[in-house]
Amino acid sequence: MIDLPIALGGLIVGFLVGMTGVGGGALMTPMLVLIFGVEPLTAVSSDLVAAVIMKPIGGGVHMRRGTVKMDLVKWLMVGSLPCAFLGVVLLKLAGTGPELQAHIKTGLGYALLVASACILARPLLTRRHRGGNAGEHVPVRIIPTILVGALGGLIVGMTSVGSGSLMIVLLFLLYPRFRLSDLVGTDLVQAIPLVFSAALGHVLMGDFKMSLTGSILVGAVPGVYLGARLSSRAPDGILRPLLVVALSASSLKLLGASNTVVPIACGIIAVVAFSLSLPELRRNLKLAKAAAAAPVAADASAKVEASAEERRLRAAK
């Protein structure tokens, strides 16, 4: 049985994921817990199973483009696959009933804070990122790569957050010589087996609900497609700060902050987030003005040329 409100929520989240590239777990799981009252373990389990179907969409695009470093994916998987499953085992050892739900809720709150910080940091790292040439060989740092995979896998297995928002930032820091497109493609592809491992653990030991996963997918799949189609037109400098504020508010509520603290904290976070986005907004505004002025300049140039040609014809006569 499809739950229409959850399907609508999935459509909105999927649209934001497709438009901004933010990991779905950072948006979907808190929405299920805070808005629809789904128990934290059920939300994490069902969201991860839905992600198994959604993740290959973006990864397949990069595989076809050749912007995936498979040797890097391999070593990330060495750390992420067992640790994602381990994350589910640790959840089961953390307690049962309300105690377990409280632990997951707290872990999710902290994971969202980390995800918010990573979303803010990503454009800064992207601007400073100086990738190498397409054919340049960059050796894989095996031990640090395995550790990045292990950390991401553990967090994803316990909260469903981090396969996109956290690990891409760590890869930026670890591999400054890789091209940006290669890092993004690698992150998307490594997330497929990572999410599968975590989802398998939750199907076996979590609280997976098929009806909830189905409702999520009914909305999220077309939402991701529509968002991806419109992503080039997205005002990223405005959407990203709004997402950071929303994630931070969700995090604070999950951690038990009072209704007085949440708006004050979110106001401060909004000022910081929009301040960091101002350079990007100014740059996009200049590009938009330049694009708008280009046809006018071309038209004026054509008129000048036509006028000159007309004078030449008159002189010839």
Protein backbone atom coordinates (compact mmCIF):
# COMPACT_ATOMS: atom_id res chain seq x y z
CA MET A 1 0.00 0.00 0.00
CA ILE A 2 1.50 3.30 -1.11
CA ASP A 3 1.46 6.15 1.44
CA LEU A 4 0.76 9.25 -0.71
CA PRO A 5 2.13 11.88 1.74
CA ILE A 6 5.41 9.94 2.02
CA ALA A 7 5.51 9.53 -1.77
CA LEU A 8 5.07 13.31 -2.12
CA GLY A 9 7.85 13.84 0.42
CA GLY A 10 10.01 11.41 -1.58
CA LEU A 11 9.28 13.41 -4.75
CA ILE A 12 10.46 16.64 -3.08
CA VAL A 13 13.58 15.03 -1.59
CA GLY A 14 14.39 13.26 -4.87
CA PHE A 15 14.03 16.54 -6.75
CA LEU A 16 16.45 18.26 -4.34
CA VAL A 17 18.91 15.35 -4.58
CA GLY A 18 18.86 15.44 -8.39
CA MET A 19 19.20 19.22 -8.48
CA THR A 20 21.93 19.68 -5.85
CA GLY A 21 23.74 16.33 -5.62
CA VAL A 22 23.26 16.17 -1.85
CA GLY A 23 23.05 12.60 -0.56
CA GLY A 24 19.47 11.36 -0.17
CA GLY A 25 20.04 9.91 3.31
CA ALA A 26 20.77 13.36 4.73
CA LEU A 27 17.34 14.56 3.58
CA MET A 28 15.07 11.51 3.48
CA THR A 29 15.77 9.94 6.88
CA PRO A 30 15.22 13.09 9.00
CA MET A 31 12.07 13.85 6.98
CA LEU A 32 10.67 10.40 7.79
CA VAL A 33 11.51 10.73 11.50
CA LEU A 34 10.56 14.36 12.18
CA ILE A 35 7.65 14.94 9.78
CA PHE A 36 6.03 11.52 9.37
CA GLY A 37 6.83 10.11 12.81
CA VAL A 38 8.57 6.98 11.51
CA GLU A 39 10.74 5.25 14.11
CA PRO A 40 14.45 6.02 13.50
CA LEU A 41 15.52 2.40 12.87
CA THR A 42 12.67 1.85 10.39
CA ALA A 43 13.52 5.12 8.61
CA VAL A 44 17.21 4.24 8.28
CA SER A 45 16.51 0.67 7.13
CA SER A 46 13.86 1.57 4.54
CA ASP A 47 15.78 4.57 3.20
CA LEU A 48 18.91 2.46 2.64
CA VAL A 49 16.97 -0.19 0.72
CA ALA A 50 15.42 2.55 -1.45
CA ALA A 51 18.92 3.96 -2.06
CA VAL A 52 20.04 0.60 -3.49
CA ILE A 53 17.68 1.24 -6.41
CA MET A 54 18.40 4.97 -6.75
CA LYS A 55 22.20 5.05 -6.44
CA PRO A 56 23.04 3.22 -9.70
CA ILE A 57 21.32 5.97 -11.75
CA GLY A 58 24.02 8.58 -11.16
CA GLY A 59 26.84 6.03 -11.02
CA GLY A 60 25.88 4.58 -14.41
CA VAL A 61 26.17 7.99 -16.07
CA HIS A 62 29.75 8.40 -14.84
CA MET A 63 30.67 4.84 -15.79
CA ARG A 64 29.60 5.54 -19.38
CA ARG A 65 31.60 8.78 -19.38
CA GLY A 66 34.72 7.06 -18.06
CA THR A 67 34.99 9.41 -15.05
CA VAL A 68 35.42 6.64 -12.46
CA LYS A 69 38.71 5.50 -10.88
CA MET A 70 38.01 1.80 -10.37
CA ASP A 71 41.25 1.17 -8.48
CA LEU A 72 40.16 3.83 -5.98
CA VAL A 73 36.66 2.31 -5.79
CA LYS A 74 38.23 -1.08 -5.04
CA TRP A 75 40.18 0.13 -1.99
CA LEU A 76 37.26 2.20 -0.71
CA MET A 77 35.14 -0.96 -0.85
CA VAL A 78 37.72 -2.87 1.21
CA GLY A 79 36.97 -0.52 4.08
CA SER A 80 33.35 0.41 3.47
CA LEU A 81 31.63 -2.94 2.83
CA PRO A 82 32.52 -4.72 6.09
CA CYS A 83 32.16 -1.53 8.15
CA ALA A 84 28.71 -0.77 6.71
CA PHE A 85 27.57 -4.21 7.83
CA LEU A 86 29.41 -3.72 11.14
CA GLY A 87 27.47 -0.49 11.67
CA VAL A 88 24.20 -2.45 11.64
CA VAL A 89 25.65 -5.03 14.08
CA LEU A 90 26.70 -2.24 16.46
CA LEU A 91 23.19 -0.83 16.31
CA LYS A 92 21.77 -4.17 17.40
CA LEU A 93 24.29 -4.32 20.26
CA ALA A 94 23.39 -0.80 21.38
CA GLY A 95 20.10 -1.92 22.92
CA THR A 96 16.51 -2.67 22.05
CA GLY A 97 13.21 -0.84 21.97
CA PRO A 98 13.15 2.84 22.98
CA GLU A 99 16.80 2.74 24.04
CA LEU A 100 17.91 1.67 20.54
CA GLN A 101 15.66 4.26 18.86
CA ALA A 102 17.16 6.98 21.07
CA HIS A 103 20.71 5.95 20.16
CA ILE A 104 19.88 6.03 16.43
CA LYS A 105 18.17 9.41 16.78
CA THR A 106 21.24 10.87 18.50
CA GLY A 107 23.65 9.36 15.97
CA LEU A 108 21.53 10.69 13.11
CA GLY A 109 21.57 14.17 14.67
CA TYR A 110 25.36 14.26 14.85
CA ALA A 111 25.70 12.78 11.35
CA LEU A 112 23.50 15.58 9.98
CA LEU A 113 25.72 18.19 11.65
CA VAL A 114 28.74 16.66 9.91
CA ALA A 115 26.82 16.52 6.61
CA SER A 116 25.89 20.22 6.93
CA ALA A 117 29.52 21.18 7.49
CA CYS A 118 30.58 19.08 4.49
CA ILE A 119 27.96 20.70 2.24
CA LEU A 120 29.33 24.11 3.22
CA ALA A 121 32.93 23.00 2.71
CA ARG A 122 32.45 21.28 -0.65
CA PRO A 123 32.20 24.41 -2.88
CA LEU A 124 35.21 25.95 -1.09
CA LEU A 125 37.24 22.80 -1.75
CA THR A 126 35.96 22.64 -5.33
CA ARG A 127 37.12 26.20 -6.07
CA ARG A 128 40.58 25.45 -4.67
CA HIS A 129 40.80 22.01 -6.26
CA ARG A 130 43.49 21.85 -8.94
CA GLY A 131 43.14 18.51 -10.65
CA GLY A 132 45.82 17.06 -12.88
CA ASN A 133 45.65 16.27 -16.57
CA ALA A 134 43.35 13.57 -17.91
CA GLY A 135 46.21 11.15 -18.59
CA GLU A 136 48.21 11.88 -15.46
CA HIS A 137 48.85 8.87 -13.22
CA VAL A 138 47.99 9.53 -9.57
CA PRO A 139 48.93 6.67 -7.23
CA VAL A 140 46.27 5.41 -4.84
CA ARG A 141 47.09 5.91 -1.16
CA ILE A 142 45.87 2.51 -0.03
CA ILE A 143 45.74 2.76 3.78
CA PRO A 144 44.16 6.26 3.98
CA THR A 145 41.68 5.23 1.27
CA ILE A 146 40.65 2.12 3.20
CA LEU A 147 40.22 4.25 6.34
CA VAL A 148 38.01 6.74 4.48
CA GLY A 149 35.89 3.84 3.24
CA ALA A 150 35.71 2.33 6.73
CA LEU A 151 34.61 5.60 8.34
CA GLY A 152 32.00 6.29 5.66
CA GLY A 153 30.71 2.72 5.78
CA LEU A 154 30.32 2.75 9.56
CA ILE A 155 28.38 6.03 9.55
CA VAL A 156 26.16 4.98 6.63
CA GLY A 157 25.39 1.63 8.24
CA MET A 158 24.27 3.30 11.46
CA THR A 159 22.51 6.43 10.12
CA SER A 160 22.15 6.11 6.28
CA VAL A 161 23.95 9.51 6.04
CA GLY A 162 27.41 10.11 4.61
CA SER A 163 27.91 8.10 1.40
CA GLY A 164 27.74 11.32 -0.61
CA SER A 165 28.08 14.31 1.69
CA LEU A 166 30.97 13.09 3.88
CA MET A 167 33.08 10.84 1.67
CA ILE A 168 33.36 13.21 -1.30
CA VAL A 169 34.89 15.88 0.96
CA LEU A 170 37.41 13.38 2.37
CA LEU A 171 38.34 12.35 -1.18
CA PHE A 172 38.87 16.00 -2.15
CA LEU A 173 41.35 16.32 0.72
CA LEU A 174 43.07 13.00 0.05
CA TYR A 175 43.44 13.31 -3.74
CA PRO A 176 43.98 16.94 -4.80
CA ARG A 177 45.58 15.77 -8.09
CA PHE A 178 42.53 13.86 -9.32
CA ARG A 179 40.21 15.69 -11.68
CA LEU A 180 36.99 16.89 -10.06
CA SER A 181 34.78 14.85 -12.42
CA ASP A 182 36.77 11.69 -11.56
CA LEU A 183 36.30 12.22 -7.82
CA VAL A 184 32.55 12.83 -8.18
CA GLY A 185 32.12 9.77 -10.42
CA THR A 186 34.24 7.60 -8.11
CA ASP A 187 32.23 8.70 -5.07
CA LEU A 188 28.92 7.90 -6.78
CA VAL A 189 30.07 4.44 -7.92
CA GLN A 190 31.64 3.42 -4.60
CA ALA A 191 28.38 4.36 -2.89
CA ILE A 192 26.50 1.61 -4.78
CA PRO A 193 28.13 -1.43 -3.07
CA LEU A 194 28.42 0.54 0.17
CA VAL A 195 24.69 1.19 0.32
CA PHE A 196 23.96 -2.39 -0.76
CA SER A 197 26.04 -3.77 2.12
CA ALA A 198 24.35 -1.48 4.64
CA ALA A 199 20.89 -2.26 3.21
CA LEU A 200 21.55 -6.01 3.38
CA GLY A 201 22.47 -5.68 7.04
CA HIS A 202 19.27 -3.74 7.75
CA VAL A 203 17.11 -6.23 5.84
CA LEU A 204 18.57 -9.06 7.96
CA MET A 205 18.83 -7.29 11.32
CA GLY A 206 17.09 -3.91 11.05
CA ASP A 207 13.43 -2.90 10.70
CA PHE A 208 12.93 -2.76 6.94
CA LYS A 209 9.35 -2.02 5.79
CA MET A 210 8.59 -2.82 2.14
CA SER A 211 5.55 -0.53 2.04
CA LEU A 212 7.60 2.41 3.31
CA THR A 213 10.41 1.78 0.80
CA GLY A 214 7.87 1.49 -2.02
CA SER A 215 6.26 4.80 -1.06
CA ILE A 216 9.68 6.49 -1.01
CA LEU A 217 10.61 5.15 -4.45
CA VAL A 218 7.30 6.10 -6.09
CA GLY A 219 8.11 9.75 -5.45
CA ALA A 220 11.91 9.79 -5.31
CA VAL A 221 12.72 8.14 -8.66
CA PRO A 222 10.84 10.67 -10.85
CA GLY A 223 11.99 13.44 -8.48
CA VAL A 224 15.67 12.59 -9.02
CA TYR A 225 15.13 12.47 -12.79
CA LEU A 226 13.38 15.86 -12.90
CA GLY A 227 15.93 17.44 -10.55
CA ALA A 228 18.84 16.17 -12.64
CA ARG A 229 17.24 17.56 -15.83
CA LEU A 230 16.94 21.01 -14.21
CA SER A 231 20.21 20.92 -12.27
CA SER A 232 22.04 23.21 -14.72
CA ARG A 233 19.49 25.95 -14.00
CA ALA A 234 19.54 25.53 -10.21
CA PRO A 235 20.58 28.60 -8.19
CA ASP A 236 23.13 26.59 -6.23
CA GLY A 237 24.31 29.59 -4.22
CA ILE A 238 20.79 29.92 -2.79
CA LEU A 239 19.74 26.26 -2.57
CA ARG A 240 22.86 25.09 -0.73
CA PRO A 241 22.54 27.51 2.23
CA LEU A 242 18.84 26.68 2.51
CA LEU A 243 19.69 22.96 2.63
CA VAL A 244 22.34 23.59 5.28
CA VAL A 245 19.82 25.48 7.42
CA ALA A 246 17.20 22.72 6.98
CA LEU A 247 19.69 19.96 7.85
CA SER A 248 21.00 21.91 10.84
CA ALA A 249 17.46 22.47 12.13
CA SER A 250 16.70 18.75 11.73
CA SER A 251 19.93 17.88 13.52
CA LEU A 252 19.19 20.15 16.46
CA LYS A 253 15.65 18.77 16.82
CA LEU A 254 16.94 15.19 16.74
CA LEU A 255 19.47 16.09 19.44
CA GLY A 256 16.71 17.50 21.63
CA ALA A 257 17.32 21.24 21.30
CA SER A 258 14.51 23.45 22.57
CA ASN A 259 12.20 25.50 20.33
CA THR A 260 14.00 28.62 21.57
CA VAL A 261 17.48 27.41 20.68
CA VAL A 262 16.66 26.05 17.20
CA PRO A 263 15.59 29.34 15.50
CA ILE A 264 18.47 31.31 17.05
CA ALA A 265 21.03 28.71 15.98
CA CYS A 266 19.51 28.43 12.51
CA GLY A 267 19.59 32.22 12.11
CA ILE A 268 23.32 32.26 12.87
CA ILE A 269 23.93 29.29 10.53
CA ALA A 270 21.94 31.02 7.76
CA VAL A 271 24.06 34.18 8.02
CA VAL A 272 27.28 32.12 7.81
CA ALA A 273 25.99 29.92 4.96
CA PHE A 274 24.78 32.81 2.80
CA SER A 275 27.97 34.79 3.51
CA LEU A 276 30.03 31.88 2.17
CA SER A 277 27.79 31.72 -0.91
CA LEU A 278 28.05 35.44 -1.77
CA PRO A 279 31.15 35.10 -4.02
CA GLU A 280 29.41 32.37 -6.01
CA LEU A 281 26.19 34.41 -6.29
CA ARG A 282 28.15 37.44 -7.54
CA ARG A 283 30.03 35.30 -10.07
CA ASN A 284 26.81 33.73 -11.37
CA LEU A 285 25.20 37.17 -11.65
CA LYS A 286 28.13 38.43 -13.75
CA LEU A 287 27.90 35.35 -15.99
CA ALA A 288 24.15 35.88 -16.42
CA LYS A 289 24.68 39.53 -17.35
CA ALA A 290 27.41 38.57 -19.81
CA ALA A 291 25.18 35.92 -21.38
CA ALA A 292 22.32 38.42 -21.68
CA ALA A 293 24.61 41.06 -23.21
CA ALA A 294 26.11 38.68 -25.80
CA PRO A 295 23.09 38.59 -28.19
CA VAL A 296 22.76 42.40 -27.97
CA ALA A 297 26.43 42.87 -28.82
CA ALA A 298 26.18 40.38 -31.68
CA ASP A 299 23.12 42.17 -33.05
CA ALA A 300 24.86 45.55 -32.87
CA SER A 301 27.92 44.13 -34.63
CA ALA A 302 25.71 42.71 -37.39
CA LYS A 303 24.04 46.10 -37.87
CA VAL A 304 27.42 47.84 -38.11
CA GLU A 305 28.60 45.33 -40.71
CA ALA A 306 25.37 45.71 -42.69
CA SER A 307 25.70 49.49 -42.63
CA ALA A 308 29.32 49.30 -43.80
CA GLU A 309 28.34 46.95 -46.63
CA GLU A 310 25.56 49.32 -47.66
CA ARG A 311 28.04 52.24 -47.82
CA ARG A 312 30.43 50.18 -49.93
CA LEU A 313 27.62 49.38 -52.38
CA ARG A 314 26.65 53.05 -52.66
CA ALA A 315 30.27 54.03 -53.26
CA ALA A 316 30.56 51.40 -55.98
CA LYS A 317 27.50 52.82 -57.74
